[in-house]
Amino acid sequence: MKEIMMSPRAKELCLAIKKLGEGQLSEWALHRITGHSHGTFTAARQELCRDSILELTHKGRKPLYHLLVELDDD
């Protein structure tokens, strides 16, 4: 499998999304698991969307997270 390059903060966010299960997740829960500030969280999320690792859509005002790649937990 091809190695996916991403920053440590982006990897932490991916693993948190995987742990909580994709779909409608609160930013607060993701902050709690990763320990990221709002700015770091936003930068990591933008990096993942830019690199086509994460798809972010909205249902009303609620964000829906969907990982587009399989991740190892290491």
N, C-alpha and C. Protein backbone atom coordinates (compact mmCIF):
# COMPACT_ATOMS: atom_id res chain seq x y z
N MET A 1 0.84 -1.18 0.00
CA MET A 1 0.00 0.00 0.00
C MET A 1 0.88 1.24 0.00
N LYS A 2 0.49 2.28 -0.73
CA LYS A 2 1.25 3.51 -0.83
C LYS A 2 1.24 4.27 0.49
N GLU A 3 2.41 4.77 0.86
CA GLU A 3 2.56 5.56 2.08
C GLU A 3 1.91 6.93 1.86
N ILE A 4 1.05 7.34 2.77
CA ILE A 4 0.40 8.64 2.68
C ILE A 4 1.17 9.61 3.56
N MET A 5 1.64 10.68 2.95
CA MET A 5 2.40 11.68 3.70
C MET A 5 1.45 12.76 4.23
N MET A 6 1.53 13.00 5.53
CA MET A 6 0.74 14.07 6.14
C MET A 6 1.44 14.52 7.41
N SER A 7 1.11 15.70 7.85
CA SER A 7 1.72 16.24 9.06
C SER A 7 1.22 15.44 10.27
N PRO A 8 1.97 15.51 11.38
CA PRO A 8 1.52 14.83 12.60
C PRO A 8 0.15 15.29 13.07
N ARG A 9 -0.14 16.57 12.95
CA ARG A 9 -1.45 17.08 13.39
C ARG A 9 -2.57 16.54 12.53
N ALA A 10 -2.31 16.39 11.22
CA ALA A 10 -3.32 15.84 10.31
C ALA A 10 -3.54 14.36 10.61
N LYS A 11 -2.46 13.63 10.90
CA LYS A 11 -2.60 12.21 11.22
C LYS A 11 -3.40 12.02 12.51
N GLU A 12 -3.14 12.86 13.51
CA GLU A 12 -3.90 12.79 14.76
C GLU A 12 -5.39 13.01 14.51
N LEU A 13 -5.71 13.97 13.65
CA LEU A 13 -7.11 14.25 13.34
C LEU A 13 -7.73 13.07 12.60
N CYS A 14 -7.01 12.49 11.66
CA CYS A 14 -7.52 11.31 10.93
C CYS A 14 -7.83 10.17 11.90
N LEU A 15 -6.91 9.91 12.79
CA LEU A 15 -7.11 8.81 13.74
C LEU A 15 -8.28 9.09 14.68
N ALA A 16 -8.47 10.37 15.05
CA ALA A 16 -9.60 10.73 15.91
C ALA A 16 -10.92 10.52 15.16
N ILE A 17 -10.97 10.89 13.88
CA ILE A 17 -12.18 10.68 13.09
C ILE A 17 -12.46 9.20 12.95
N LYS A 18 -11.41 8.42 12.72
CA LYS A 18 -11.57 6.96 12.60
C LYS A 18 -12.07 6.37 13.92
N LYS A 19 -11.52 6.84 15.04
CA LYS A 19 -11.91 6.33 16.36
C LYS A 19 -13.38 6.62 16.67
N LEU A 20 -13.83 7.83 16.36
CA LEU A 20 -15.20 8.22 16.66
C LEU A 20 -16.20 7.66 15.65
N GLY A 21 -15.69 7.19 14.53
CA GLY A 21 -16.60 6.73 13.48
C GLY A 21 -16.96 7.92 12.61
N GLU A 22 -16.89 7.73 11.34
CA GLU A 22 -17.14 8.84 10.42
C GLU A 22 -18.60 9.30 10.52
N GLY A 23 -18.87 10.41 9.91
CA GLY A 23 -20.22 10.95 9.89
C GLY A 23 -20.29 12.26 10.62
N GLN A 24 -21.39 12.50 11.30
CA GLN A 24 -21.60 13.76 11.99
C GLN A 24 -20.83 13.75 13.31
N LEU A 25 -19.77 14.53 13.37
CA LEU A 25 -18.93 14.60 14.56
C LEU A 25 -18.85 16.04 15.03
N SER A 26 -18.81 16.22 16.32
CA SER A 26 -18.68 17.59 16.83
C SER A 26 -17.20 17.97 16.87
N GLU A 27 -16.95 19.23 16.55
CA GLU A 27 -15.58 19.74 16.60
C GLU A 27 -15.04 19.62 18.03
N TRP A 28 -15.90 19.81 19.00
CA TRP A 28 -15.49 19.72 20.40
C TRP A 28 -14.94 18.33 20.73
N ALA A 29 -15.60 17.28 20.26
CA ALA A 29 -15.13 15.92 20.52
C ALA A 29 -13.78 15.68 19.86
N LEU A 30 -13.60 16.20 18.65
CA LEU A 30 -12.32 16.04 17.97
C LEU A 30 -11.22 16.83 18.67
N HIS A 31 -11.54 18.03 19.18
CA HIS A 31 -10.57 18.81 19.96
C HIS A 31 -10.16 18.03 21.21
N ARG A 32 -11.13 17.44 21.88
CA ARG A 32 -10.86 16.71 23.12
C ARG A 32 -9.92 15.54 22.89
N ILE A 33 -10.12 14.80 21.81
CA ILE A 33 -9.28 13.63 21.53
C ILE A 33 -7.88 14.04 21.08
N THR A 34 -7.80 15.04 20.19
CA THR A 34 -6.50 15.42 19.63
C THR A 34 -5.73 16.39 20.51
N GLY A 35 -6.44 17.19 21.29
CA GLY A 35 -5.78 18.23 22.08
C GLY A 35 -5.41 19.44 21.25
N HIS A 36 -5.90 19.51 20.01
CA HIS A 36 -5.59 20.63 19.11
C HIS A 36 -6.38 21.87 19.50
N SER A 37 -5.75 23.02 19.29
CA SER A 37 -6.47 24.28 19.40
C SER A 37 -7.36 24.42 18.17
N HIS A 38 -8.22 25.41 18.17
CA HIS A 38 -9.11 25.60 17.02
C HIS A 38 -8.31 25.86 15.74
N GLY A 39 -7.27 26.68 15.83
CA GLY A 39 -6.45 26.98 14.66
C GLY A 39 -5.72 25.77 14.11
N THR A 40 -5.16 24.96 15.00
CA THR A 40 -4.46 23.75 14.57
C THR A 40 -5.43 22.76 13.97
N PHE A 41 -6.60 22.62 14.59
CA PHE A 41 -7.63 21.73 14.07
C PHE A 41 -8.04 22.15 12.66
N THR A 42 -8.28 23.44 12.47
CA THR A 42 -8.69 23.95 11.16
C THR A 42 -7.61 23.73 10.11
N ALA A 43 -6.35 23.98 10.46
CA ALA A 43 -5.24 23.77 9.53
C ALA A 43 -5.12 22.29 9.14
N ALA A 44 -5.26 21.41 10.12
CA ALA A 44 -5.18 19.97 9.84
C ALA A 44 -6.33 19.52 8.94
N ARG A 45 -7.52 20.01 9.22
CA ARG A 45 -8.68 19.67 8.41
C ARG A 45 -8.51 20.18 6.98
N GLN A 46 -8.01 21.39 6.81
CA GLN A 46 -7.77 21.93 5.48
C GLN A 46 -6.72 21.11 4.72
N GLU A 47 -5.67 20.70 5.42
CA GLU A 47 -4.63 19.87 4.80
C GLU A 47 -5.22 18.56 4.30
N LEU A 48 -6.04 17.91 5.11
CA LEU A 48 -6.63 16.63 4.73
C LEU A 48 -7.59 16.78 3.55
N CYS A 49 -8.37 17.84 3.54
CA CYS A 49 -9.29 18.07 2.42
C CYS A 49 -8.50 18.40 1.15
N ARG A 50 -7.48 19.22 1.26
CA ARG A 50 -6.66 19.60 0.11
C ARG A 50 -5.99 18.40 -0.53
N ASP A 51 -5.55 17.45 0.29
CA ASP A 51 -4.84 16.26 -0.19
C ASP A 51 -5.77 15.10 -0.51
N SER A 52 -7.08 15.35 -0.53
CA SER A 52 -8.11 14.35 -0.86
C SER A 52 -8.06 13.13 0.06
N ILE A 53 -7.80 13.38 1.33
CA ILE A 53 -7.81 12.32 2.34
C ILE A 53 -9.13 12.35 3.11
N LEU A 54 -9.70 13.54 3.22
CA LEU A 54 -10.94 13.76 3.97
C LEU A 54 -11.94 14.49 3.09
N GLU A 55 -13.17 14.03 3.15
CA GLU A 55 -14.27 14.74 2.49
C GLU A 55 -15.13 15.35 3.59
N LEU A 56 -15.32 16.65 3.51
CA LEU A 56 -16.11 17.37 4.51
C LEU A 56 -17.33 17.95 3.80
N THR A 57 -18.50 17.52 4.23
CA THR A 57 -19.75 18.07 3.71
C THR A 57 -20.57 18.54 4.89
N HIS A 58 -21.69 19.14 4.62
CA HIS A 58 -22.55 19.63 5.70
C HIS A 58 -23.98 19.19 5.48
N LYS A 59 -24.62 18.83 6.56
CA LYS A 59 -26.05 18.56 6.57
C LYS A 59 -26.65 19.66 7.43
N GLY A 60 -27.23 20.64 6.77
CA GLY A 60 -27.63 21.85 7.49
C GLY A 60 -26.35 22.55 7.91
N ARG A 61 -26.19 22.77 9.20
CA ARG A 61 -24.96 23.38 9.71
C ARG A 61 -24.02 22.35 10.32
N LYS A 62 -24.42 21.09 10.35
CA LYS A 62 -23.62 20.04 10.99
C LYS A 62 -22.60 19.47 10.00
N PRO A 63 -21.30 19.43 10.39
CA PRO A 63 -20.30 18.87 9.48
C PRO A 63 -20.36 17.34 9.46
N LEU A 64 -20.16 16.78 8.28
CA LEU A 64 -20.09 15.33 8.09
C LEU A 64 -18.68 15.00 7.59
N TYR A 65 -18.00 14.12 8.30
CA TYR A 65 -16.63 13.75 7.97
C TYR A 65 -16.60 12.36 7.35
N HIS A 66 -15.87 12.25 6.24
CA HIS A 66 -15.73 10.95 5.57
C HIS A 66 -14.29 10.81 5.10
N LEU A 67 -13.58 9.79 5.63
CA LEU A 67 -12.21 9.52 5.21
C LEU A 67 -12.23 8.81 3.87
N LEU A 68 -11.40 9.27 2.95
CA LEU A 68 -11.37 8.71 1.60
C LEU A 68 -10.26 7.67 1.42
N VAL A 69 -9.47 7.43 2.46
CA VAL A 69 -8.38 6.46 2.41
C VAL A 69 -8.43 5.58 3.65
N GLU A 70 -7.85 4.40 3.56
CA GLU A 70 -7.73 3.51 4.71
C GLU A 70 -6.47 3.89 5.48
N LEU A 71 -6.55 3.97 6.79
CA LEU A 71 -5.42 4.34 7.63
C LEU A 71 -5.05 3.19 8.56
N ASP A 72 -3.76 3.07 8.78
CA ASP A 72 -3.27 2.17 9.83
C ASP A 72 -3.25 2.95 11.13
N ASP A 73 -3.37 2.26 12.25
CA ASP A 73 -3.39 2.93 13.55
C ASP A 73 -2.01 3.24 14.12
N ASP A 74 -0.95 2.92 13.38
CA ASP A 74 0.42 3.13 13.91
C ASP A 74 0.86 4.55 13.95
